Amino acid sequence: MFVEGGLHPEQIKALRQMSLQRRLDLALAGVASAGALRKAMISVEHPDWSADQVEKALREEVRNARR
């Protein structure tokens, strides 16, 4: 259940019970999933591009992302 303005108290409780390593693993998995999704989107946007071109475009997007 989403609580406006933040996480549900049960989500907070579950996160606090996790080890730092587990939280890091989840965060890195989320980053990897986002990268895979964006790579798939680039492939759909440019079906004629090779895998190397798609990888290069993804690296450029990450490099040029705002902080």
Protein backbone atom coordinates (compact mmCIF):
# COMPACT_ATOMS: atom_id res chain seq x y z
CA MET A 1 0.00 0.00 0.00
CA PHE A 2 1.37 3.40 -0.97
CA VAL A 3 1.31 6.13 1.63
CA GLU A 4 1.35 9.65 0.28
CA GLY A 5 4.70 11.27 1.01
CA GLY A 6 6.71 8.12 1.53
CA LEU A 7 6.85 4.45 2.27
CA HIS A 8 4.26 2.43 4.13
CA PRO A 9 5.30 1.74 7.74
CA GLU A 10 5.52 -1.99 6.97
CA GLN A 11 7.95 -1.24 4.13
CA ILE A 12 10.10 0.82 6.47
CA LYS A 13 10.03 -1.99 9.04
CA ALA A 14 11.07 -4.55 6.41
CA LEU A 15 13.93 -2.35 5.16
CA ARG A 16 15.23 -1.79 8.69
CA GLN A 17 15.31 -5.54 9.27
CA MET A 18 17.48 -6.13 6.19
CA SER A 19 21.23 -6.16 6.34
CA LEU A 20 23.13 -3.38 4.62
CA GLN A 21 24.39 -5.93 2.09
CA ARG A 22 20.83 -6.99 1.22
CA ARG A 23 19.74 -3.36 0.77
CA LEU A 24 22.76 -2.72 -1.44
CA ASP A 25 22.00 -5.83 -3.49
CA LEU A 26 18.40 -4.66 -3.99
CA ALA A 27 19.52 -1.18 -5.00
CA LEU A 28 22.03 -2.52 -7.51
CA ALA A 29 19.42 -4.91 -8.92
CA GLY A 30 17.11 -1.94 -9.40
CA VAL A 31 19.81 -0.02 -11.25
CA ALA A 32 20.52 -3.05 -13.45
CA SER A 33 16.81 -3.47 -14.21
CA ALA A 34 16.47 0.20 -15.16
CA GLY A 35 19.48 -0.10 -17.47
CA ALA A 36 18.09 -3.23 -19.12
CA LEU A 37 14.73 -1.54 -19.62
CA ARG A 38 16.31 1.56 -21.15
CA LYS A 39 18.48 -0.59 -23.41
CA ALA A 40 15.36 -2.39 -24.63
CA MET A 41 13.66 0.95 -25.24
CA ILE A 42 16.63 2.20 -27.28
CA SER A 43 16.54 -1.03 -29.32
CA VAL A 44 12.86 -0.47 -30.10
CA GLU A 45 13.45 3.18 -30.99
CA HIS A 46 16.34 2.21 -33.31
CA PRO A 47 15.65 -1.30 -34.65
CA ASP A 48 18.42 -0.96 -37.25
CA TRP A 49 21.16 -0.39 -34.64
CA SER A 50 23.58 -3.12 -33.63
CA ALA A 51 23.95 -4.25 -30.02
CA ASP A 52 27.18 -2.25 -29.81
CA GLN A 53 25.41 0.92 -30.99
CA VAL A 54 22.67 0.41 -28.41
CA GLU A 55 25.27 -0.08 -25.66
CA LYS A 56 27.09 3.05 -26.75
CA ALA A 57 23.85 5.08 -26.72
CA LEU A 58 23.05 3.82 -23.22
CA ARG A 59 26.53 4.75 -21.97
CA GLU A 60 26.15 8.22 -23.48
CA GLU A 61 22.78 8.70 -21.78
CA VAL A 62 24.22 7.69 -18.43
CA ARG A 63 27.28 9.87 -18.92
CA ASN A 64 25.11 12.89 -19.82
CA ALA A 65 22.48 12.37 -17.12
CA ARG A 66 21.83 15.25 -14.78
CA ARG A 67 22.62 14.80 -11.13
